[in-house]
Amino acid sequence: MGHGETYMHPADVLWWAKGGEFHGSSPERIAFLRRILEETPGGFLEPLPSAWDVPTAGIRHEYEISYFGFNQPTYRNFVMPAGRRYEVDIIDTWNMSIDTLPDAVEGRFRVELPAASSSPSGSAPSANPPTPAACSPGARPPWRSASRYRTRG
């Protein structure tokens, strides 16, 4: 557990510095991350070579998860080996949801990423919140969003 993002607490509580109870949605968010890790082949993610702006981990060309972070692209192009089909999931890390694209993909493909998401402050949704995507044959794509793909069948 790191201290990447904390909020001021009236009792001056910083969990990462002092321990104690989690506050807010931390338990649900940790459970969501755990679910993603448990669905990962082998139960862990190995860093993979990736583009400068999108960290990627998994098993090359079988199960990959890409985290779009603050870059918030509206789409991402992927190039995977020909002849292998992949399921793609869009992971909304803020709303803790995973949506699988309706059709499997292969070779060169484009993943459209969500254009709006709730913000942590409760203000209006961002025009282009970050999204993760994941692919793998028969898999789904994994700030705010990521994509995950995995080989299908």
N, C-alpha and C. Protein backbone atom coordinates (compact mmCIF):
# COMPACT_ATOMS: atom_id res chain seq x y z
N MET A 1 0.85 -1.17 0.00
CA MET A 1 0.00 0.00 0.00
C MET A 1 0.89 1.22 0.00
N GLY A 2 0.61 2.15 -0.86
CA GLY A 2 1.41 3.36 -0.94
C GLY A 2 0.66 4.56 -0.41
N HIS A 3 1.21 5.70 -0.66
CA HIS A 3 0.57 6.94 -0.19
C HIS A 3 0.39 7.91 -1.35
N GLY A 4 0.03 7.38 -2.50
CA GLY A 4 -0.10 8.20 -3.70
C GLY A 4 -1.15 9.27 -3.62
N GLU A 5 -2.21 9.04 -2.88
CA GLU A 5 -3.26 10.05 -2.80
C GLU A 5 -3.90 9.97 -1.42
N THR A 6 -3.85 11.05 -0.69
CA THR A 6 -4.48 11.10 0.62
C THR A 6 -5.27 12.39 0.74
N TYR A 7 -6.21 12.38 1.66
CA TYR A 7 -7.03 13.56 1.92
C TYR A 7 -6.89 13.92 3.39
N MET A 8 -6.99 15.20 3.67
CA MET A 8 -6.89 15.66 5.05
C MET A 8 -8.05 15.12 5.87
N HIS A 9 -7.74 14.54 7.01
CA HIS A 9 -8.75 13.99 7.91
C HIS A 9 -8.83 14.91 9.13
N PRO A 10 -10.03 15.18 9.65
CA PRO A 10 -10.17 16.09 10.80
C PRO A 10 -9.32 15.68 12.00
N ALA A 11 -9.06 14.37 12.17
CA ALA A 11 -8.27 13.89 13.30
C ALA A 11 -6.79 13.75 12.94
N ASP A 12 -6.38 14.32 11.81
CA ASP A 12 -4.99 14.26 11.34
C ASP A 12 -4.53 12.81 11.17
N VAL A 13 -5.41 11.97 10.61
CA VAL A 13 -5.10 10.56 10.40
C VAL A 13 -4.56 10.37 8.99
N LEU A 14 -3.38 9.81 8.88
CA LEU A 14 -2.81 9.41 7.59
C LEU A 14 -2.51 7.92 7.72
N TRP A 15 -3.35 7.07 7.11
CA TRP A 15 -3.21 5.64 7.28
C TRP A 15 -1.81 5.16 6.95
N TRP A 16 -1.25 5.63 5.83
CA TRP A 16 0.05 5.13 5.40
C TRP A 16 1.17 5.53 6.34
N ALA A 17 0.95 6.55 7.17
CA ALA A 17 1.98 6.98 8.09
C ALA A 17 1.75 6.48 9.52
N LYS A 18 0.47 6.30 9.88
CA LYS A 18 0.16 5.98 11.27
C LYS A 18 -0.62 4.68 11.46
N GLY A 19 -1.08 4.06 10.38
CA GLY A 19 -1.87 2.85 10.51
C GLY A 19 -3.28 3.17 10.97
N GLY A 20 -4.01 2.17 11.38
CA GLY A 20 -5.37 2.39 11.86
C GLY A 20 -6.40 1.91 10.86
N GLU A 21 -7.58 2.53 10.88
CA GLU A 21 -8.69 2.14 10.02
C GLU A 21 -8.63 2.82 8.67
N PHE A 22 -9.14 2.11 7.65
CA PHE A 22 -9.34 2.74 6.36
C PHE A 22 -10.58 3.62 6.46
N HIS A 23 -10.60 4.68 5.70
CA HIS A 23 -11.75 5.58 5.67
C HIS A 23 -12.26 5.69 4.25
N GLY A 24 -13.49 6.10 4.10
CA GLY A 24 -14.05 6.32 2.78
C GLY A 24 -14.23 5.03 2.00
N SER A 25 -13.88 5.07 0.70
CA SER A 25 -14.09 3.92 -0.17
C SER A 25 -12.85 3.04 -0.31
N SER A 26 -11.85 3.24 0.54
CA SER A 26 -10.61 2.45 0.43
C SER A 26 -10.84 0.94 0.43
N PRO A 27 -11.63 0.39 1.36
CA PRO A 27 -11.81 -1.07 1.35
C PRO A 27 -12.40 -1.59 0.03
N GLU A 28 -13.40 -0.87 -0.53
CA GLU A 28 -14.01 -1.30 -1.79
C GLU A 28 -13.00 -1.20 -2.93
N ARG A 29 -12.19 -0.16 -2.94
CA ARG A 29 -11.21 0.02 -4.01
C ARG A 29 -10.11 -1.04 -3.95
N ILE A 30 -9.69 -1.38 -2.76
CA ILE A 30 -8.68 -2.43 -2.60
C ILE A 30 -9.28 -3.77 -3.05
N ALA A 31 -10.54 -4.02 -2.72
CA ALA A 31 -11.21 -5.26 -3.14
C ALA A 31 -11.33 -5.31 -4.66
N PHE A 32 -11.59 -4.18 -5.31
CA PHE A 32 -11.69 -4.13 -6.78
C PHE A 32 -10.34 -4.49 -7.40
N LEU A 33 -9.27 -3.89 -6.89
CA LEU A 33 -7.93 -4.21 -7.38
C LEU A 33 -7.62 -5.68 -7.15
N ARG A 34 -7.99 -6.19 -5.99
CA ARG A 34 -7.76 -7.61 -5.70
C ARG A 34 -8.49 -8.50 -6.70
N ARG A 35 -9.73 -8.14 -7.03
CA ARG A 35 -10.50 -8.92 -8.00
C ARG A 35 -9.76 -8.98 -9.34
N ILE A 36 -9.25 -7.84 -9.78
CA ILE A 36 -8.52 -7.80 -11.05
C ILE A 36 -7.29 -8.69 -10.97
N LEU A 37 -6.55 -8.61 -9.87
CA LEU A 37 -5.36 -9.45 -9.72
C LEU A 37 -5.72 -10.94 -9.67
N GLU A 38 -6.82 -11.28 -9.00
CA GLU A 38 -7.24 -12.67 -8.92
C GLU A 38 -7.67 -13.22 -10.27
N GLU A 39 -8.14 -12.35 -11.17
CA GLU A 39 -8.54 -12.78 -12.51
C GLU A 39 -7.33 -12.89 -13.45
N THR A 40 -6.18 -12.44 -12.99
CA THR A 40 -4.96 -12.45 -13.79
C THR A 40 -4.33 -13.84 -13.77
N PRO A 41 -3.95 -14.38 -14.93
CA PRO A 41 -3.28 -15.69 -14.94
C PRO A 41 -2.06 -15.66 -14.01
N GLY A 42 -1.99 -16.60 -13.09
CA GLY A 42 -0.88 -16.65 -12.14
C GLY A 42 -1.08 -15.75 -10.93
N GLY A 43 -2.06 -14.85 -10.97
CA GLY A 43 -2.35 -13.99 -9.82
C GLY A 43 -1.44 -12.80 -9.63
N PHE A 44 -0.58 -12.50 -10.61
CA PHE A 44 0.28 -11.33 -10.49
C PHE A 44 0.54 -10.75 -11.88
N LEU A 45 1.03 -9.53 -11.93
CA LEU A 45 1.29 -8.85 -13.20
C LEU A 45 2.78 -8.56 -13.35
N GLU A 46 3.35 -9.01 -14.46
CA GLU A 46 4.75 -8.72 -14.79
C GLU A 46 4.78 -7.48 -15.68
N PRO A 47 5.68 -6.53 -15.42
CA PRO A 47 5.80 -5.38 -16.33
C PRO A 47 6.15 -5.86 -17.73
N LEU A 48 5.56 -5.20 -18.75
CA LEU A 48 5.83 -5.54 -20.14
C LEU A 48 6.34 -4.31 -20.87
N PRO A 49 7.10 -4.51 -21.95
CA PRO A 49 7.49 -3.36 -22.76
C PRO A 49 6.22 -2.65 -23.24
N SER A 50 6.22 -1.34 -23.20
CA SER A 50 5.03 -0.61 -23.59
C SER A 50 5.38 0.78 -24.10
N ALA A 51 4.38 1.46 -24.64
CA ALA A 51 4.56 2.83 -25.11
C ALA A 51 4.90 3.73 -23.93
N TRP A 52 5.52 4.86 -24.20
CA TRP A 52 5.98 5.77 -23.15
C TRP A 52 4.84 6.27 -22.26
N ASP A 53 3.64 6.33 -22.78
CA ASP A 53 2.54 6.96 -22.06
C ASP A 53 1.57 5.98 -21.40
N VAL A 54 1.76 4.69 -21.59
CA VAL A 54 0.80 3.72 -21.06
C VAL A 54 1.54 2.52 -20.47
N PRO A 55 1.67 2.47 -19.14
CA PRO A 55 2.30 1.28 -18.54
C PRO A 55 1.43 0.06 -18.80
N THR A 56 2.10 -1.06 -19.09
CA THR A 56 1.41 -2.31 -19.41
C THR A 56 2.05 -3.45 -18.64
N ALA A 57 1.22 -4.42 -18.23
CA ALA A 57 1.72 -5.58 -17.50
C ALA A 57 0.91 -6.81 -17.90
N GLY A 58 1.42 -7.99 -17.60
CA GLY A 58 0.70 -9.23 -17.89
C GLY A 58 1.60 -10.27 -18.51
N ILE A 59 1.04 -11.02 -19.48
CA ILE A 59 1.76 -12.03 -20.24
C ILE A 59 1.67 -11.62 -21.70
N ARG A 60 2.80 -11.30 -22.30
CA ARG A 60 2.84 -10.74 -23.66
C ARG A 60 1.96 -11.52 -24.63
N HIS A 61 1.07 -10.81 -25.31
CA HIS A 61 0.17 -11.33 -26.34
C HIS A 61 -0.83 -12.36 -25.85
N GLU A 62 -0.91 -12.59 -24.53
CA GLU A 62 -1.90 -13.53 -23.99
C GLU A 62 -2.86 -12.82 -23.05
N TYR A 63 -2.30 -12.04 -22.13
CA TYR A 63 -3.11 -11.31 -21.16
C TYR A 63 -2.35 -10.03 -20.85
N GLU A 64 -2.90 -8.91 -21.23
CA GLU A 64 -2.22 -7.63 -20.98
C GLU A 64 -3.22 -6.63 -20.42
N ILE A 65 -2.74 -5.84 -19.50
CA ILE A 65 -3.56 -4.77 -18.95
C ILE A 65 -2.76 -3.47 -19.09
N SER A 66 -3.41 -2.45 -19.61
CA SER A 66 -2.77 -1.15 -19.86
C SER A 66 -3.49 -0.09 -19.04
N TYR A 67 -2.73 0.74 -18.37
CA TYR A 67 -3.31 1.78 -17.51
C TYR A 67 -3.08 3.14 -18.17
N PHE A 68 -4.17 3.83 -18.47
CA PHE A 68 -4.06 5.09 -19.20
C PHE A 68 -3.84 6.29 -18.31
N GLY A 69 -4.00 6.16 -17.03
CA GLY A 69 -3.67 7.22 -16.09
C GLY A 69 -4.26 8.56 -16.45
N PHE A 70 -3.49 9.59 -16.18
CA PHE A 70 -3.97 10.95 -16.40
C PHE A 70 -4.00 11.33 -17.88
N ASN A 71 -3.49 10.48 -18.76
CA ASN A 71 -3.45 10.82 -20.19
C ASN A 71 -4.85 10.91 -20.80
N GLN A 72 -5.78 10.14 -20.32
CA GLN A 72 -7.18 10.19 -20.72
C GLN A 72 -7.42 10.18 -22.23
N PRO A 73 -6.87 9.22 -22.96
CA PRO A 73 -7.13 9.17 -24.41
C PRO A 73 -8.59 8.79 -24.70
N THR A 74 -9.07 9.17 -25.86
CA THR A 74 -10.43 8.79 -26.25
C THR A 74 -10.44 7.44 -26.95
N TYR A 75 -9.28 6.99 -27.41
CA TYR A 75 -9.16 5.66 -28.02
C TYR A 75 -7.70 5.24 -27.95
N ARG A 76 -7.48 3.95 -28.23
CA ARG A 76 -6.12 3.43 -28.29
C ARG A 76 -6.08 2.37 -29.38
N ASN A 77 -5.04 2.42 -30.22
CA ASN A 77 -4.83 1.41 -31.26
C ASN A 77 -3.91 0.33 -30.71
N PHE A 78 -4.21 -0.91 -31.04
CA PHE A 78 -3.40 -2.05 -30.63
C PHE A 78 -3.00 -2.85 -31.86
N VAL A 79 -1.84 -3.48 -31.80
CA VAL A 79 -1.38 -4.39 -32.85
C VAL A 79 -0.98 -5.69 -32.16
N MET A 80 -1.74 -6.74 -32.44
CA MET A 80 -1.49 -8.03 -31.83
C MET A 80 -1.19 -9.04 -32.94
N PRO A 81 -0.64 -10.20 -32.59
CA PRO A 81 -0.32 -11.20 -33.62
C PRO A 81 -1.57 -11.60 -34.42
N ALA A 82 -1.38 -11.75 -35.72
CA ALA A 82 -2.49 -12.17 -36.58
C ALA A 82 -2.91 -13.59 -36.21
N GLY A 83 -4.20 -13.88 -36.41
CA GLY A 83 -4.69 -15.22 -36.18
C GLY A 83 -5.06 -15.54 -34.74
N ARG A 84 -4.89 -14.59 -33.84
CA ARG A 84 -5.29 -14.80 -32.44
C ARG A 84 -6.43 -13.86 -32.13
N ARG A 85 -7.48 -14.38 -31.54
CA ARG A 85 -8.64 -13.55 -31.18
C ARG A 85 -8.55 -13.16 -29.71
N TYR A 86 -8.98 -11.95 -29.42
CA TYR A 86 -8.90 -11.41 -28.07
C TYR A 86 -10.24 -10.85 -27.62
N GLU A 87 -10.53 -10.99 -26.33
CA GLU A 87 -11.62 -10.27 -25.69
C GLU A 87 -11.00 -9.02 -25.09
N VAL A 88 -11.75 -7.94 -25.10
CA VAL A 88 -11.24 -6.68 -24.56
C VAL A 88 -12.19 -6.16 -23.50
N ASP A 89 -11.62 -5.76 -22.36
CA ASP A 89 -12.39 -5.15 -21.27
C ASP A 89 -11.96 -3.71 -21.10
N ILE A 90 -12.93 -2.88 -20.77
CA ILE A 90 -12.64 -1.50 -20.39
C ILE A 90 -12.85 -1.44 -18.88
N ILE A 91 -11.83 -1.03 -18.17
CA ILE A 91 -11.89 -0.97 -16.72
C ILE A 91 -11.97 0.49 -16.29
N ASP A 92 -13.02 0.84 -15.59
CA ASP A 92 -13.18 2.19 -15.05
C ASP A 92 -12.73 2.10 -13.60
N THR A 93 -11.53 2.57 -13.32
CA THR A 93 -10.97 2.40 -11.99
C THR A 93 -11.62 3.31 -10.95
N TRP A 94 -12.21 4.41 -11.37
CA TRP A 94 -12.87 5.28 -10.39
C TRP A 94 -14.22 4.71 -9.99
N ASN A 95 -15.01 4.30 -10.98
CA ASN A 95 -16.35 3.75 -10.69
C ASN A 95 -16.31 2.26 -10.39
N MET A 96 -15.13 1.66 -10.46
CA MET A 96 -14.91 0.25 -10.15
C MET A 96 -15.82 -0.66 -10.97
N SER A 97 -15.79 -0.45 -12.28
CA SER A 97 -16.60 -1.27 -13.17
C SER A 97 -15.73 -1.82 -14.30
N ILE A 98 -16.17 -2.95 -14.86
CA ILE A 98 -15.49 -3.58 -15.98
C ILE A 98 -16.53 -3.91 -17.03
N ASP A 99 -16.33 -3.40 -18.25
CA ASP A 99 -17.25 -3.67 -19.36
C ASP A 99 -16.48 -4.40 -20.45
N THR A 100 -17.01 -5.52 -20.89
CA THR A 100 -16.40 -6.31 -21.96
C THR A 100 -16.98 -5.87 -23.29
N LEU A 101 -16.10 -5.64 -24.28
CA LEU A 101 -16.58 -5.29 -25.61
C LEU A 101 -17.40 -6.45 -26.17
N PRO A 102 -18.44 -6.16 -26.95
CA PRO A 102 -19.33 -7.22 -27.42
C PRO A 102 -18.69 -8.20 -28.40
N ASP A 103 -17.69 -7.75 -29.17
CA ASP A 103 -17.08 -8.61 -30.18
C ASP A 103 -15.60 -8.83 -29.90
N ALA A 104 -15.12 -10.02 -30.20
CA ALA A 104 -13.70 -10.31 -30.09
C ALA A 104 -12.96 -9.56 -31.20
N VAL A 105 -11.67 -9.32 -30.99
CA VAL A 105 -10.85 -8.57 -31.95
C VAL A 105 -9.62 -9.41 -32.29
N GLU A 106 -8.92 -9.00 -33.35
CA GLU A 106 -7.66 -9.65 -33.70
C GLU A 106 -6.81 -8.72 -34.54
N GLY A 107 -5.50 -9.02 -34.62
CA GLY A 107 -4.59 -8.22 -35.45
C GLY A 107 -4.52 -6.78 -34.99
N ARG A 108 -4.81 -5.87 -35.91
CA ARG A 108 -4.83 -4.43 -35.60
C ARG A 108 -6.26 -4.06 -35.23
N PHE A 109 -6.42 -3.36 -34.11
CA PHE A 109 -7.76 -2.93 -33.71
C PHE A 109 -7.68 -1.66 -32.88
N ARG A 110 -8.80 -1.00 -32.80
CA ARG A 110 -8.91 0.25 -32.06
C ARG A 110 -9.93 0.06 -30.93
N VAL A 111 -9.56 0.50 -29.74
CA VAL A 111 -10.46 0.43 -28.59
C VAL A 111 -10.90 1.85 -28.25
N GLU A 112 -12.20 2.09 -28.35
CA GLU A 112 -12.76 3.39 -27.96
C GLU A 112 -12.86 3.41 -26.44
N LEU A 113 -12.42 4.49 -25.84
CA LEU A 113 -12.43 4.59 -24.39
C LEU A 113 -13.48 5.59 -23.93
N PRO A 114 -14.04 5.39 -22.75
CA PRO A 114 -15.11 6.26 -22.26
C PRO A 114 -14.74 7.73 -22.29
N ALA A 115 -15.73 8.55 -22.59
CA ALA A 115 -15.49 9.99 -22.69
C ALA A 115 -15.93 10.73 -21.45
N ALA A 116 -16.53 10.06 -20.48
CA ALA A 116 -16.96 10.74 -19.26
C ALA A 116 -16.92 9.78 -18.10
N SER A 117 -16.64 10.34 -16.94
CA SER A 117 -16.59 9.54 -15.72
C SER A 117 -16.82 10.48 -14.55
N SER A 118 -17.29 9.94 -13.47
CA SER A 118 -17.48 10.76 -12.28
C SER A 118 -16.13 11.17 -11.73
N SER A 119 -16.05 12.35 -11.21
CA SER A 119 -14.77 12.81 -10.65
C SER A 119 -14.76 12.59 -9.15
N PRO A 120 -13.55 12.46 -8.57
CA PRO A 120 -13.45 12.21 -7.14
C PRO A 120 -14.07 13.34 -6.32
N SER A 121 -14.08 14.55 -6.84
CA SER A 121 -14.60 15.68 -6.08
C SER A 121 -16.11 15.79 -6.17
N GLY A 122 -16.71 14.99 -7.07
CA GLY A 122 -18.15 15.06 -7.24
C GLY A 122 -18.54 16.16 -8.21
N SER A 123 -17.55 16.82 -8.82
CA SER A 123 -17.85 17.85 -9.79
C SER A 123 -18.24 17.22 -11.11
N ALA A 124 -18.46 18.04 -12.11
CA ALA A 124 -18.88 17.53 -13.41
C ALA A 124 -17.88 16.52 -13.95
N PRO A 125 -18.36 15.53 -14.72
CA PRO A 125 -17.46 14.53 -15.29
C PRO A 125 -16.40 15.17 -16.18
N SER A 126 -15.25 14.54 -16.22
CA SER A 126 -14.16 14.99 -17.07
C SER A 126 -14.53 14.71 -18.52
N ALA A 127 -14.07 15.56 -19.44
CA ALA A 127 -14.37 15.36 -20.85
C ALA A 127 -13.76 14.06 -21.36
N ASN A 128 -12.56 13.74 -20.92
CA ASN A 128 -11.88 12.52 -21.36
C ASN A 128 -11.19 11.86 -20.19
N PRO A 129 -11.90 11.21 -19.30
CA PRO A 129 -11.25 10.58 -18.17
C PRO A 129 -10.33 9.46 -18.63
N PRO A 130 -9.31 9.16 -17.89
CA PRO A 130 -8.40 8.08 -18.26
C PRO A 130 -9.13 6.75 -18.22
N THR A 131 -8.75 5.85 -19.09
CA THR A 131 -9.39 4.54 -19.12
C THR A 131 -8.38 3.45 -19.41
N PRO A 132 -8.46 2.28 -18.74
CA PRO A 132 -7.59 1.16 -19.05
C PRO A 132 -8.26 0.20 -20.02
N ALA A 133 -7.46 -0.50 -20.78
CA ALA A 133 -8.00 -1.48 -21.71
C ALA A 133 -7.18 -2.74 -21.61
N ALA A 134 -7.78 -3.87 -21.82
CA ALA A 134 -7.04 -5.11 -21.78
C ALA A 134 -7.47 -6.00 -22.91
N CYS A 135 -6.57 -6.80 -23.41
CA CYS A 135 -6.89 -7.71 -24.50
C CYS A 135 -6.21 -9.04 -24.28
N SER A 136 -6.83 -10.04 -24.78
CA SER A 136 -6.21 -11.35 -24.87
C SER A 136 -7.15 -12.14 -25.72
N PRO A 137 -6.64 -13.13 -26.42
CA PRO A 137 -7.58 -13.86 -27.23
C PRO A 137 -8.71 -14.29 -26.30
N GLY A 138 -9.91 -13.89 -26.61
CA GLY A 138 -11.04 -14.23 -25.78
C GLY A 138 -11.07 -13.45 -24.49
N ALA A 139 -10.29 -12.39 -24.37
CA ALA A 139 -10.23 -11.63 -23.13
C ALA A 139 -10.82 -10.26 -23.28
N ARG A 140 -10.79 -9.54 -22.22
CA ARG A 140 -11.34 -8.20 -22.29
C ARG A 140 -10.28 -7.17 -21.93
N PRO A 141 -10.46 -5.94 -22.39
CA PRO A 141 -9.43 -4.97 -22.13
C PRO A 141 -9.45 -4.48 -20.70
N PRO A 142 -8.33 -4.32 -20.17
CA PRO A 142 -8.48 -3.83 -18.86
C PRO A 142 -8.62 -2.35 -18.96
N TRP A 143 -5.49 6.73 -14.54
CA TRP A 143 -6.66 7.07 -14.01
C TRP A 143 -7.81 6.41 -14.42
N ARG A 144 -8.29 6.58 -14.37
CA ARG A 144 -9.65 6.22 -14.36
C ARG A 144 -9.83 4.97 -15.17
N SER A 145 -9.23 4.86 -16.29
CA SER A 145 -9.55 3.65 -17.01
C SER A 145 -8.32 2.93 -17.47
N ALA A 146 -8.56 1.71 -17.76
CA ALA A 146 -7.52 0.84 -18.25
C ALA A 146 -8.19 -0.08 -19.24
N SER A 147 -7.40 -0.83 -19.97
CA SER A 147 -7.98 -1.83 -20.84
C SER A 147 -7.27 -3.13 -20.55
N ARG A 148 -7.96 -4.21 -20.80
CA ARG A 148 -7.36 -5.53 -20.56
C ARG A 148 -7.77 -6.41 -21.72
N TYR A 149 -6.87 -7.20 -22.24
CA TYR A 149 -7.25 -8.15 -23.27
C TYR A 149 -6.62 -9.48 -22.96
N ARG A 150 -7.25 -10.54 -23.45
CA ARG A 150 -6.72 -11.89 -23.26
C ARG A 150 -7.12 -12.75 -24.43
N THR A 151 -6.31 -13.78 -24.67
CA THR A 151 -6.61 -14.67 -25.78
C THR A 151 -7.93 -15.35 -25.54
N ARG A 152 -8.62 -15.60 -26.58
CA ARG A 152 -9.96 -16.17 -26.48
C ARG A 152 -9.90 -17.67 -26.70
N GLY A 153 -10.52 -18.39 -25.79
CA GLY A 153 -10.68 -19.84 -25.89
C GLY A 153 -9.39 -20.53 -26.05
